Amino acid sequence: MIASIDVDPQKTFTPICPGELPVDGGDKIAPALNEQAKKASFRVLTKDAHPVNAVWVVDSHNKMLAPLEHANADLTWVSHAVPGTEGFEIIPGLPDVTEYDHVIWKGVEPDLHPYGACFHDIQEKLSTGLIEWLKAKEVTTVLVGGLATDYCVKTTAMQLKMYGDFDVWVNLEACRGITEETTETGCAQMRDAGIHVIATLEEFRA
C-alpha cells in the first residue's frame, strides 16, 4: 500500500501570509501534491497548530532562530499557524480537511515545537500515532511533499524511515524550501538515510 503525505501545506508558510513564515512558491504546490496523491491508496494531511503563547514566539523576524534551552522547543520563531487565523488554513487547491484519510495536528502545546509529523516532541518520544496508523493500514511506501523541504518535510521523512522503516520518497516537485543552502543540506541528509529524493513524480517507482 502507498500513502501520500501533505506536510504542513498551510498559508502560514506562503507569501499569502508575509508576516508569518513565507516560503517562496509555497502557495504553488497544490497541483503537485494532488498528482502525488493519485499514486496512493491513502492521503494524509499534517498541520502546524501553534498557540499564541508558545515559549518560542518572538515579535520580529530578526529575533528568529535564536537557540532556546527548552527540551522540545529549540529555536525562536515568529507566531505562525495559529488555529482560527488565515495562516492556519491550507493552501488553495487542496481538498477540504475532511476529505483526507488521516490528519495530524502538531505543536499544540506551548512548550512543544516539533518539526516532524511522527512525534509531538523534538526528543521523539511521544508519538502522534502517524506511524502506527500507516502500519495498521498496511502501508509500505510513503510519498512526501509539503512545506518546508529543509525543516518539517525533511524531519517527517527521516522519522518515517528511521522509526517506521517505510520506503520513503520525497517529491521535490511538491515541496519548497526556506533557503537553497539548507534545502541542499537537508536533501543530502535524507539521501544518506536511504530516502529517495526525486525531482519530479516521474521518477517515482513503487
N, C-alpha and C. Protein backbone atom coordinates (compact mmCIF):
# COMPACT_ATOMS: atom_id res chain seq x y z
N MET A 1 0.84 -1.20 0.00
CA MET A 1 0.00 0.00 0.00
C MET A 1 0.87 1.25 0.00
N ILE A 2 0.40 2.28 -0.70
CA ILE A 2 1.11 3.55 -0.77
C ILE A 2 0.28 4.63 -0.07
N ALA A 3 0.95 5.47 0.71
CA ALA A 3 0.32 6.64 1.30
C ALA A 3 1.02 7.89 0.81
N SER A 4 0.26 8.95 0.60
CA SER A 4 0.79 10.25 0.21
C SER A 4 0.58 11.21 1.38
N ILE A 5 1.63 11.92 1.76
CA ILE A 5 1.55 12.81 2.91
C ILE A 5 1.79 14.25 2.48
N ASP A 6 0.82 15.11 2.77
CA ASP A 6 0.94 16.55 2.54
C ASP A 6 1.41 17.17 3.86
N VAL A 7 2.68 17.53 3.93
CA VAL A 7 3.26 18.05 5.17
C VAL A 7 3.06 19.57 5.26
N ASP A 8 2.23 19.98 6.18
CA ASP A 8 2.05 21.40 6.53
C ASP A 8 1.88 22.34 5.33
N PRO A 9 1.02 22.01 4.37
CA PRO A 9 0.83 22.91 3.22
C PRO A 9 -0.12 24.05 3.60
N GLN A 10 0.33 24.89 4.52
CA GLN A 10 -0.52 25.92 5.11
C GLN A 10 -0.13 27.30 4.63
N LYS A 11 -1.09 28.21 4.65
CA LYS A 11 -0.86 29.57 4.19
C LYS A 11 0.23 30.28 4.99
N THR A 12 0.43 29.88 6.24
CA THR A 12 1.45 30.49 7.08
C THR A 12 2.84 30.38 6.47
N PHE A 13 3.06 29.35 5.64
CA PHE A 13 4.36 29.12 5.01
C PHE A 13 4.39 29.59 3.56
N THR A 14 3.58 30.59 3.24
CA THR A 14 3.50 31.08 1.87
C THR A 14 3.46 32.61 1.86
N PRO A 15 3.66 33.21 0.69
CA PRO A 15 3.54 34.66 0.58
C PRO A 15 2.15 35.20 0.88
N ILE A 16 1.16 34.32 0.98
CA ILE A 16 -0.18 34.75 1.35
C ILE A 16 -0.17 35.39 2.74
N CYS A 17 0.73 34.93 3.60
CA CYS A 17 0.87 35.46 4.97
C CYS A 17 2.31 35.97 5.15
N PRO A 18 2.63 37.12 4.58
CA PRO A 18 4.01 37.60 4.59
C PRO A 18 4.56 37.90 5.98
N GLY A 19 3.68 38.12 6.96
CA GLY A 19 4.14 38.42 8.31
C GLY A 19 4.46 37.20 9.12
N GLU A 20 4.23 36.02 8.57
CA GLU A 20 4.49 34.78 9.31
C GLU A 20 5.80 34.15 8.79
N LEU A 21 5.75 33.00 8.16
CA LEU A 21 6.97 32.35 7.69
C LEU A 21 6.86 32.03 6.20
N PRO A 22 6.79 33.06 5.36
CA PRO A 22 6.55 32.83 3.93
C PRO A 22 7.72 32.13 3.25
N VAL A 23 7.39 31.07 2.53
CA VAL A 23 8.35 30.34 1.71
C VAL A 23 8.02 30.65 0.26
N ASP A 24 9.02 31.08 -0.49
CA ASP A 24 8.81 31.45 -1.89
C ASP A 24 8.20 30.28 -2.66
N GLY A 25 7.05 30.53 -3.26
CA GLY A 25 6.38 29.50 -4.05
C GLY A 25 5.60 28.49 -3.25
N GLY A 26 5.52 28.68 -1.95
CA GLY A 26 4.80 27.72 -1.10
C GLY A 26 3.33 27.58 -1.42
N ASP A 27 2.76 28.61 -2.02
CA ASP A 27 1.33 28.58 -2.38
C ASP A 27 1.08 27.95 -3.74
N LYS A 28 2.14 27.42 -4.38
CA LYS A 28 2.01 26.89 -5.74
C LYS A 28 2.10 25.36 -5.82
N ILE A 29 2.17 24.68 -4.67
CA ILE A 29 2.46 23.24 -4.71
C ILE A 29 1.22 22.35 -4.72
N ALA A 30 0.03 22.92 -4.65
CA ALA A 30 -1.18 22.09 -4.60
C ALA A 30 -1.31 21.14 -5.79
N PRO A 31 -1.09 21.59 -7.04
CA PRO A 31 -1.21 20.66 -8.16
C PRO A 31 -0.27 19.46 -8.05
N ALA A 32 0.96 19.69 -7.62
CA ALA A 32 1.92 18.59 -7.48
C ALA A 32 1.51 17.65 -6.35
N LEU A 33 1.00 18.19 -5.26
CA LEU A 33 0.52 17.34 -4.17
C LEU A 33 -0.67 16.51 -4.61
N ASN A 34 -1.55 17.10 -5.39
CA ASN A 34 -2.73 16.37 -5.87
C ASN A 34 -2.34 15.25 -6.84
N GLU A 35 -1.36 15.50 -7.70
CA GLU A 35 -0.88 14.46 -8.62
C GLU A 35 -0.22 13.32 -7.83
N GLN A 36 0.55 13.69 -6.83
CA GLN A 36 1.20 12.70 -5.99
C GLN A 36 0.19 11.80 -5.30
N ALA A 37 -0.90 12.39 -4.84
CA ALA A 37 -1.92 11.63 -4.13
C ALA A 37 -2.59 10.59 -5.01
N LYS A 38 -2.59 10.80 -6.32
CA LYS A 38 -3.20 9.84 -7.24
C LYS A 38 -2.46 8.51 -7.26
N LYS A 39 -1.22 8.51 -6.82
CA LYS A 39 -0.41 7.28 -6.78
C LYS A 39 -0.71 6.45 -5.53
N ALA A 40 -1.48 7.00 -4.61
CA ALA A 40 -1.60 6.40 -3.28
C ALA A 40 -3.01 5.90 -2.98
N SER A 41 -3.07 4.97 -2.04
CA SER A 41 -4.36 4.48 -1.54
C SER A 41 -4.89 5.34 -0.41
N PHE A 42 -3.98 6.03 0.29
CA PHE A 42 -4.37 6.88 1.41
C PHE A 42 -3.69 8.23 1.29
N ARG A 43 -4.39 9.25 1.74
CA ARG A 43 -3.82 10.61 1.72
C ARG A 43 -3.88 11.19 3.13
N VAL A 44 -2.74 11.66 3.61
CA VAL A 44 -2.60 12.18 4.96
C VAL A 44 -2.25 13.66 4.91
N LEU A 45 -2.82 14.43 5.81
CA LEU A 45 -2.51 15.85 5.95
C LEU A 45 -1.89 16.09 7.32
N THR A 46 -0.82 16.87 7.38
CA THR A 46 -0.30 17.31 8.68
C THR A 46 -0.38 18.83 8.73
N LYS A 47 -0.65 19.36 9.92
CA LYS A 47 -0.78 20.81 10.08
C LYS A 47 -0.10 21.25 11.38
N ASP A 48 0.66 22.33 11.28
CA ASP A 48 1.10 23.01 12.49
C ASP A 48 -0.12 23.67 13.12
N ALA A 49 -0.19 23.62 14.46
CA ALA A 49 -1.30 24.22 15.19
C ALA A 49 -0.74 24.82 16.47
N HIS A 50 -0.26 26.06 16.37
CA HIS A 50 0.50 26.64 17.47
C HIS A 50 -0.28 27.68 18.26
N PRO A 51 -0.16 27.65 19.59
CA PRO A 51 -0.81 28.67 20.41
C PRO A 51 -0.04 30.00 20.35
N VAL A 52 -0.74 31.08 20.63
CA VAL A 52 -0.10 32.40 20.59
C VAL A 52 0.89 32.60 21.74
N ASN A 53 0.73 31.81 22.81
CA ASN A 53 1.60 31.98 23.98
C ASN A 53 2.74 30.97 24.02
N ALA A 54 3.11 30.42 22.87
CA ALA A 54 4.19 29.44 22.83
C ALA A 54 5.50 30.05 23.34
N VAL A 55 6.31 29.22 23.98
CA VAL A 55 7.54 29.71 24.61
C VAL A 55 8.57 30.18 23.58
N TRP A 56 8.41 29.76 22.35
CA TRP A 56 9.39 30.08 21.31
C TRP A 56 9.04 31.31 20.49
N VAL A 57 7.91 31.95 20.79
CA VAL A 57 7.45 33.08 19.98
C VAL A 57 8.25 34.35 20.27
N VAL A 58 8.71 35.00 19.17
CA VAL A 58 9.32 36.32 19.26
C VAL A 58 8.52 37.28 18.39
N ASP A 59 8.72 38.58 18.60
CA ASP A 59 7.85 39.56 17.95
C ASP A 59 8.36 40.12 16.63
N SER A 60 9.52 39.67 16.18
CA SER A 60 10.02 40.14 14.89
C SER A 60 10.92 39.10 14.25
N HIS A 61 11.01 39.16 12.93
CA HIS A 61 11.78 38.16 12.19
C HIS A 61 13.27 38.22 12.50
N ASN A 62 13.78 39.39 12.86
CA ASN A 62 15.22 39.47 13.14
C ASN A 62 15.60 38.86 14.48
N LYS A 63 14.62 38.43 15.25
CA LYS A 63 14.89 37.73 16.51
C LYS A 63 14.76 36.22 16.37
N MET A 64 14.45 35.77 15.17
CA MET A 64 14.23 34.34 14.95
C MET A 64 15.54 33.56 14.93
N LEU A 65 15.37 32.23 15.11
CA LEU A 65 16.45 31.25 15.01
C LEU A 65 17.49 31.39 16.11
N ALA A 66 17.11 32.05 17.20
CA ALA A 66 17.98 32.08 18.37
C ALA A 66 17.77 30.78 19.15
N PRO A 67 18.83 30.18 19.67
CA PRO A 67 18.69 28.91 20.39
C PRO A 67 17.95 29.07 21.72
N LEU A 68 17.18 28.05 22.06
CA LEU A 68 16.44 28.02 23.32
C LEU A 68 16.90 26.82 24.14
N GLU A 69 16.72 26.92 25.44
CA GLU A 69 17.12 25.83 26.32
C GLU A 69 15.97 24.87 26.63
N HIS A 70 14.81 25.11 26.06
CA HIS A 70 13.67 24.22 26.29
C HIS A 70 13.93 22.86 25.62
N ALA A 71 13.54 21.81 26.29
CA ALA A 71 13.82 20.46 25.80
C ALA A 71 13.18 20.18 24.45
N ASN A 72 12.01 20.78 24.20
CA ASN A 72 11.28 20.45 22.97
C ASN A 72 10.87 21.69 22.17
N ALA A 73 11.63 22.74 22.33
CA ALA A 73 11.48 23.94 21.51
C ALA A 73 12.88 24.52 21.37
N ASP A 74 13.52 24.26 20.23
CA ASP A 74 14.96 24.53 20.12
C ASP A 74 15.33 25.90 19.58
N LEU A 75 14.40 26.56 18.85
CA LEU A 75 14.70 27.84 18.24
C LEU A 75 13.52 28.80 18.38
N THR A 76 13.81 30.09 18.30
CA THR A 76 12.74 31.09 18.32
C THR A 76 12.17 31.26 16.92
N TRP A 77 10.86 31.54 16.87
CA TRP A 77 10.16 31.81 15.61
C TRP A 77 9.10 32.88 15.87
N VAL A 78 8.71 33.59 14.84
CA VAL A 78 7.55 34.47 15.00
C VAL A 78 6.31 33.60 15.07
N SER A 79 5.26 34.16 15.62
CA SER A 79 4.00 33.42 15.74
C SER A 79 3.49 33.03 14.36
N HIS A 80 3.04 31.78 14.25
CA HIS A 80 2.54 31.30 12.96
C HIS A 80 1.61 30.11 13.17
N ALA A 81 0.80 29.85 12.16
CA ALA A 81 -0.10 28.69 12.16
C ALA A 81 -0.97 28.62 13.41
N VAL A 82 -1.50 29.75 13.83
CA VAL A 82 -2.39 29.78 14.99
C VAL A 82 -3.80 29.37 14.55
N PRO A 83 -4.39 28.35 15.18
CA PRO A 83 -5.75 27.94 14.80
C PRO A 83 -6.72 29.12 14.83
N GLY A 84 -7.54 29.20 13.81
CA GLY A 84 -8.51 30.29 13.71
C GLY A 84 -8.04 31.45 12.88
N THR A 85 -6.75 31.45 12.51
CA THR A 85 -6.22 32.53 11.67
C THR A 85 -6.07 32.04 10.23
N GLU A 86 -5.83 32.99 9.32
CA GLU A 86 -5.64 32.62 7.92
C GLU A 86 -4.42 31.73 7.74
N GLY A 87 -3.38 31.99 8.51
CA GLY A 87 -2.16 31.21 8.37
C GLY A 87 -2.34 29.73 8.67
N PHE A 88 -3.30 29.40 9.49
CA PHE A 88 -3.57 28.01 9.85
C PHE A 88 -4.20 27.24 8.70
N GLU A 89 -4.86 27.95 7.80
CA GLU A 89 -5.58 27.31 6.70
C GLU A 89 -4.62 26.67 5.70
N ILE A 90 -5.10 25.62 5.01
CA ILE A 90 -4.28 25.01 3.97
C ILE A 90 -4.38 25.83 2.69
N ILE A 91 -3.39 25.67 1.83
CA ILE A 91 -3.30 26.50 0.63
C ILE A 91 -4.43 26.19 -0.35
N PRO A 92 -4.75 27.13 -1.21
CA PRO A 92 -5.81 26.90 -2.20
C PRO A 92 -5.46 25.73 -3.13
N GLY A 93 -6.51 24.99 -3.51
CA GLY A 93 -6.34 23.91 -4.47
C GLY A 93 -6.25 22.53 -3.86
N LEU A 94 -6.17 22.46 -2.53
CA LEU A 94 -6.14 21.16 -1.86
C LEU A 94 -7.54 20.77 -1.40
N PRO A 95 -7.77 19.48 -1.11
CA PRO A 95 -9.08 19.06 -0.64
C PRO A 95 -9.42 19.67 0.73
N ASP A 96 -10.69 19.65 1.07
CA ASP A 96 -11.07 20.01 2.43
C ASP A 96 -10.43 19.03 3.41
N VAL A 97 -10.20 19.50 4.62
CA VAL A 97 -9.56 18.65 5.63
C VAL A 97 -10.30 17.33 5.80
N THR A 98 -11.63 17.38 5.76
CA THR A 98 -12.43 16.17 5.98
C THR A 98 -12.35 15.17 4.84
N GLU A 99 -11.73 15.55 3.72
CA GLU A 99 -11.59 14.63 2.60
C GLU A 99 -10.30 13.81 2.68
N TYR A 100 -9.43 14.14 3.63
CA TYR A 100 -8.22 13.34 3.84
C TYR A 100 -8.57 12.08 4.62
N ASP A 101 -7.73 11.07 4.52
CA ASP A 101 -7.94 9.83 5.25
C ASP A 101 -7.47 9.92 6.70
N HIS A 102 -6.51 10.80 6.95
CA HIS A 102 -5.98 10.95 8.31
C HIS A 102 -5.36 12.34 8.41
N VAL A 103 -5.50 12.97 9.57
CA VAL A 103 -4.94 14.30 9.79
C VAL A 103 -4.17 14.33 11.11
N ILE A 104 -2.99 14.93 11.07
CA ILE A 104 -2.18 15.11 12.27
C ILE A 104 -2.05 16.61 12.55
N TRP A 105 -2.40 17.03 13.75
CA TRP A 105 -2.15 18.39 14.19
C TRP A 105 -0.98 18.35 15.17
N LYS A 106 0.00 19.21 15.00
CA LYS A 106 1.19 19.14 15.83
C LYS A 106 1.60 20.53 16.34
N GLY A 107 2.26 20.52 17.50
CA GLY A 107 2.72 21.76 18.09
C GLY A 107 1.66 22.51 18.87
N VAL A 108 0.65 21.81 19.35
CA VAL A 108 -0.45 22.45 20.06
C VAL A 108 -0.03 22.93 21.45
N GLU A 109 0.83 22.16 22.11
CA GLU A 109 1.30 22.54 23.44
C GLU A 109 2.25 23.73 23.34
N PRO A 110 2.18 24.69 24.26
CA PRO A 110 3.01 25.90 24.15
C PRO A 110 4.50 25.67 24.31
N ASP A 111 4.90 24.54 24.89
CA ASP A 111 6.33 24.28 25.07
C ASP A 111 6.83 23.15 24.17
N LEU A 112 6.03 22.78 23.16
CA LEU A 112 6.45 21.77 22.19
C LEU A 112 6.44 22.37 20.80
N HIS A 113 7.57 22.31 20.10
CA HIS A 113 7.62 22.80 18.73
C HIS A 113 8.28 21.74 17.84
N PRO A 114 7.53 20.67 17.54
CA PRO A 114 8.10 19.62 16.70
C PRO A 114 8.15 20.05 15.24
N TYR A 115 9.05 19.45 14.50
CA TYR A 115 9.12 19.67 13.06
C TYR A 115 8.52 18.48 12.32
N GLY A 116 8.87 17.28 12.73
CA GLY A 116 8.34 16.09 12.10
C GLY A 116 6.92 15.80 12.53
N ALA A 117 6.20 15.06 11.68
CA ALA A 117 4.79 14.75 11.94
C ALA A 117 4.59 13.48 12.75
N CYS A 118 5.67 12.76 13.05
CA CYS A 118 5.53 11.46 13.72
C CYS A 118 5.61 11.54 15.24
N PHE A 119 6.12 12.67 15.75
CA PHE A 119 6.26 12.82 17.19
C PHE A 119 5.86 14.23 17.61
N HIS A 120 5.24 14.33 18.78
CA HIS A 120 4.85 15.63 19.31
C HIS A 120 6.05 16.39 19.88
N ASP A 121 7.12 15.68 20.18
CA ASP A 121 8.27 16.30 20.84
C ASP A 121 9.54 16.13 20.01
N ILE A 122 10.46 17.06 20.17
CA ILE A 122 11.72 17.00 19.44
C ILE A 122 12.55 15.79 19.86
N GLN A 123 12.38 15.36 21.09
CA GLN A 123 13.13 14.20 21.58
C GLN A 123 12.61 12.88 21.01
N GLU A 124 11.50 12.95 20.28
CA GLU A 124 10.93 11.80 19.56
C GLU A 124 10.59 10.64 20.49
N LYS A 125 9.84 11.00 21.53
CA LYS A 125 9.37 10.00 22.48
C LYS A 125 7.85 9.87 22.48
N LEU A 126 7.16 10.96 22.16
CA LEU A 126 5.70 10.99 22.25
C LEU A 126 5.10 10.92 20.85
N SER A 127 4.64 9.75 20.46
CA SER A 127 4.15 9.52 19.11
C SER A 127 2.84 10.26 18.83
N THR A 128 2.72 10.77 17.61
CA THR A 128 1.45 11.34 17.16
C THR A 128 0.49 10.25 16.70
N GLY A 129 1.01 9.04 16.51
CA GLY A 129 0.20 7.95 16.01
C GLY A 129 0.26 7.77 14.50
N LEU A 130 1.00 8.65 13.81
CA LEU A 130 1.04 8.56 12.34
C LEU A 130 1.67 7.25 11.88
N ILE A 131 2.81 6.88 12.43
CA ILE A 131 3.47 5.64 12.02
C ILE A 131 2.57 4.44 12.32
N GLU A 132 1.96 4.45 13.48
CA GLU A 132 1.09 3.34 13.87
C GLU A 132 -0.12 3.24 12.94
N TRP A 133 -0.67 4.39 12.56
CA TRP A 133 -1.82 4.39 11.65
C TRP A 133 -1.42 3.84 10.28
N LEU A 134 -0.28 4.27 9.77
CA LEU A 134 0.19 3.78 8.47
C LEU A 134 0.41 2.28 8.50
N LYS A 135 1.00 1.78 9.56
CA LYS A 135 1.24 0.34 9.67
C LYS A 135 -0.08 -0.42 9.78
N ALA A 136 -1.05 0.15 10.50
CA ALA A 136 -2.35 -0.51 10.62
C ALA A 136 -3.05 -0.61 9.27
N LYS A 137 -2.76 0.34 8.38
CA LYS A 137 -3.32 0.33 7.03
C LYS A 137 -2.46 -0.49 6.06
N GLU A 138 -1.42 -1.12 6.57
CA GLU A 138 -0.50 -1.96 5.78
C GLU A 138 0.22 -1.17 4.70
N VAL A 139 0.51 0.09 5.02
CA VAL A 139 1.29 0.93 4.11
C VAL A 139 2.76 0.53 4.19
N THR A 140 3.40 0.41 3.05
CA THR A 140 4.82 0.10 2.99
C THR A 140 5.63 1.20 2.31
N THR A 141 4.97 2.01 1.48
CA THR A 141 5.63 3.07 0.73
C THR A 141 4.95 4.40 0.99
N VAL A 142 5.77 5.44 1.21
CA VAL A 142 5.21 6.75 1.52
C VAL A 142 5.80 7.80 0.59
N LEU A 143 4.92 8.58 -0.03
CA LEU A 143 5.30 9.73 -0.85
C LEU A 143 5.10 10.99 -0.02
N VAL A 144 6.12 11.83 0.05
CA VAL A 144 6.07 13.00 0.92
C VAL A 144 6.30 14.27 0.12
N GLY A 145 5.45 15.27 0.37
CA GLY A 145 5.63 16.61 -0.18
C GLY A 145 5.15 17.61 0.85
N GLY A 146 5.41 18.89 0.60
CA GLY A 146 4.90 19.90 1.52
C GLY A 146 5.90 20.99 1.83
N LEU A 147 5.69 21.61 3.00
CA LEU A 147 6.47 22.78 3.41
C LEU A 147 7.01 22.61 4.83
N ALA A 148 8.21 23.02 5.08
CA ALA A 148 9.20 23.37 4.06
C ALA A 148 10.18 22.20 3.94
N THR A 149 10.81 22.09 2.78
CA THR A 149 11.69 20.95 2.50
C THR A 149 12.74 20.75 3.57
N ASP A 150 13.34 21.85 4.02
CA ASP A 150 14.50 21.78 4.90
C ASP A 150 14.18 21.65 6.38
N TYR A 151 12.92 21.70 6.74
CA TYR A 151 12.53 21.55 8.14
C TYR A 151 11.52 20.41 8.32
N CYS A 152 10.24 20.72 8.15
CA CYS A 152 9.21 19.74 8.50
C CYS A 152 9.14 18.56 7.52
N VAL A 153 9.37 18.83 6.24
CA VAL A 153 9.38 17.72 5.27
C VAL A 153 10.54 16.79 5.56
N LYS A 154 11.73 17.36 5.71
CA LYS A 154 12.92 16.55 5.98
C LYS A 154 12.74 15.72 7.26
N THR A 155 12.32 16.36 8.32
CA THR A 155 12.21 15.66 9.60
C THR A 155 11.14 14.58 9.55
N THR A 156 10.02 14.86 8.90
CA THR A 156 8.97 13.85 8.76
C THR A 156 9.48 12.65 7.99
N ALA A 157 10.15 12.89 6.87
CA ALA A 157 10.68 11.80 6.06
C ALA A 157 11.70 10.97 6.84
N MET A 158 12.57 11.65 7.58
CA MET A 158 13.59 10.94 8.36
C MET A 158 12.94 10.08 9.44
N GLN A 159 11.91 10.59 10.09
CA GLN A 159 11.21 9.82 11.12
C GLN A 159 10.50 8.62 10.52
N LEU A 160 9.87 8.80 9.38
CA LEU A 160 9.18 7.68 8.73
C LEU A 160 10.15 6.57 8.38
N LYS A 161 11.34 6.96 7.94
CA LYS A 161 12.35 5.97 7.58
C LYS A 161 12.95 5.31 8.81
N MET A 162 13.30 6.11 9.81
CA MET A 162 14.00 5.59 10.98
C MET A 162 13.11 4.74 11.87
N TYR A 163 11.90 5.22 12.13
CA TYR A 163 11.04 4.55 13.09
C TYR A 163 10.00 3.64 12.45
N GLY A 164 9.68 3.89 11.18
CA GLY A 164 8.66 3.08 10.52
C GLY A 164 9.22 2.13 9.51
N ASP A 165 10.46 2.38 9.09
CA ASP A 165 11.13 1.55 8.09
C ASP A 165 10.31 1.46 6.80
N PHE A 166 9.67 2.58 6.44
CA PHE A 166 8.93 2.63 5.19
C PHE A 166 9.89 2.91 4.03
N ASP A 167 9.45 2.61 2.82
CA ASP A 167 10.14 3.04 1.62
C ASP A 167 9.68 4.47 1.37
N VAL A 168 10.55 5.44 1.67
CA VAL A 168 10.15 6.86 1.69
C VAL A 168 10.67 7.58 0.45
N TRP A 169 9.76 8.30 -0.20
CA TRP A 169 10.09 9.09 -1.38
C TRP A 169 9.71 10.55 -1.12
N VAL A 170 10.65 11.46 -1.25
CA VAL A 170 10.36 12.89 -1.12
C VAL A 170 10.32 13.50 -2.51
N ASN A 171 9.17 14.03 -2.86
CA ASN A 171 8.90 14.56 -4.20
C ASN A 171 9.15 16.07 -4.19
N LEU A 172 10.32 16.50 -4.65
CA LEU A 172 10.69 17.91 -4.58
C LEU A 172 9.77 18.80 -5.41
N GLU A 173 9.14 18.24 -6.41
CA GLU A 173 8.18 18.99 -7.22
C GLU A 173 7.02 19.49 -6.36
N ALA A 174 6.74 18.77 -5.27
CA ALA A 174 5.63 19.10 -4.38
C ALA A 174 6.11 19.75 -3.09
N CYS A 175 7.34 20.25 -3.09
CA CYS A 175 7.94 20.88 -1.90
C CYS A 175 8.48 22.26 -2.26
N ARG A 176 8.72 23.06 -1.24
CA ARG A 176 9.50 24.28 -1.37
C ARG A 176 10.33 24.42 -0.10
N GLY A 177 11.57 24.91 -0.25
CA GLY A 177 12.45 25.08 0.90
C GLY A 177 12.62 26.52 1.30
N ILE A 178 13.09 26.73 2.52
CA ILE A 178 13.28 28.10 3.01
C ILE A 178 14.50 28.75 2.37
N THR A 179 15.63 28.04 2.37
CA THR A 179 16.81 28.56 1.68
C THR A 179 17.42 27.45 0.82
N GLU A 180 18.13 27.85 -0.21
CA GLU A 180 18.75 26.87 -1.11
C GLU A 180 19.79 26.04 -0.37
N GLU A 181 20.56 26.70 0.49
CA GLU A 181 21.64 26.00 1.19
C GLU A 181 21.11 24.94 2.14
N THR A 182 20.13 25.32 2.97
CA THR A 182 19.60 24.35 3.93
C THR A 182 18.79 23.26 3.24
N THR A 183 18.20 23.59 2.10
CA THR A 183 17.46 22.58 1.34
C THR A 183 18.43 21.55 0.76
N GLU A 184 19.54 22.01 0.22
CA GLU A 184 20.54 21.08 -0.32
C GLU A 184 21.11 20.19 0.79
N THR A 185 21.38 20.78 1.94
CA THR A 185 21.88 20.00 3.07
C THR A 185 20.84 18.98 3.52
N GLY A 186 19.59 19.42 3.61
CA GLY A 186 18.52 18.51 4.02
C GLY A 186 18.34 17.36 3.06
N CYS A 187 18.42 17.64 1.77
CA CYS A 187 18.28 16.57 0.76
C CYS A 187 19.42 15.58 0.87
N ALA A 188 20.63 16.07 1.13
CA ALA A 188 21.77 15.18 1.31
C ALA A 188 21.59 14.29 2.53
N GLN A 189 21.08 14.86 3.61
CA GLN A 189 20.83 14.08 4.83
C GLN A 189 19.79 13.00 4.58
N MET A 190 18.75 13.34 3.82
CA MET A 190 17.72 12.35 3.53
C MET A 190 18.27 11.22 2.66
N ARG A 191 19.03 11.58 1.67
CA ARG A 191 19.62 10.54 0.81
C ARG A 191 20.53 9.62 1.62
N ASP A 192 21.31 10.21 2.52
CA ASP A 192 22.21 9.41 3.36
C ASP A 192 21.42 8.45 4.25
N ALA A 193 20.18 8.81 4.56
CA ALA A 193 19.34 7.96 5.40
C ALA A 193 18.60 6.89 4.60
N GLY A 194 18.82 6.86 3.29
CA GLY A 194 18.16 5.85 2.46
C GLY A 194 16.83 6.28 1.90
N ILE A 195 16.57 7.57 1.93
CA ILE A 195 15.32 8.12 1.39
C ILE A 195 15.53 8.50 -0.08
N HIS A 196 14.54 8.19 -0.91
CA HIS A 196 14.59 8.57 -2.32
C HIS A 196 14.18 10.04 -2.45
N VAL A 197 15.07 10.89 -2.90
CA VAL A 197 14.75 12.30 -3.12
C VAL A 197 14.67 12.51 -4.62
N ILE A 198 13.46 12.78 -5.11
CA ILE A 198 13.24 12.84 -6.55
C ILE A 198 12.82 14.25 -6.97
N ALA A 199 13.25 14.64 -8.16
CA ALA A 199 12.95 15.98 -8.66
C ALA A 199 11.50 16.10 -9.12
N THR A 200 10.98 15.03 -9.70
CA THR A 200 9.60 15.03 -10.18
C THR A 200 8.97 13.67 -9.90
N LEU A 201 7.66 13.63 -9.99
CA LEU A 201 6.91 12.41 -9.74
C LEU A 201 7.22 11.33 -10.78
N GLU A 202 7.71 11.73 -11.93
CA GLU A 202 8.04 10.78 -12.98
C GLU A 202 9.12 9.80 -12.55
N GLU A 203 9.90 10.17 -11.55
CA GLU A 203 10.97 9.30 -11.04
C GLU A 203 10.49 8.29 -10.02
N PHE A 204 9.26 8.40 -9.59
CA PHE A 204 8.73 7.50 -8.55
C PHE A 204 8.50 6.10 -9.11
N ARG A 205 9.01 5.13 -8.36
CA ARG A 205 8.82 3.71 -8.72
C ARG A 205 8.35 2.98 -7.47
N ALA A 206 7.11 2.55 -7.46
CA ALA A 206 6.56 1.86 -6.29
C ALA A 206 7.15 0.47 -6.17
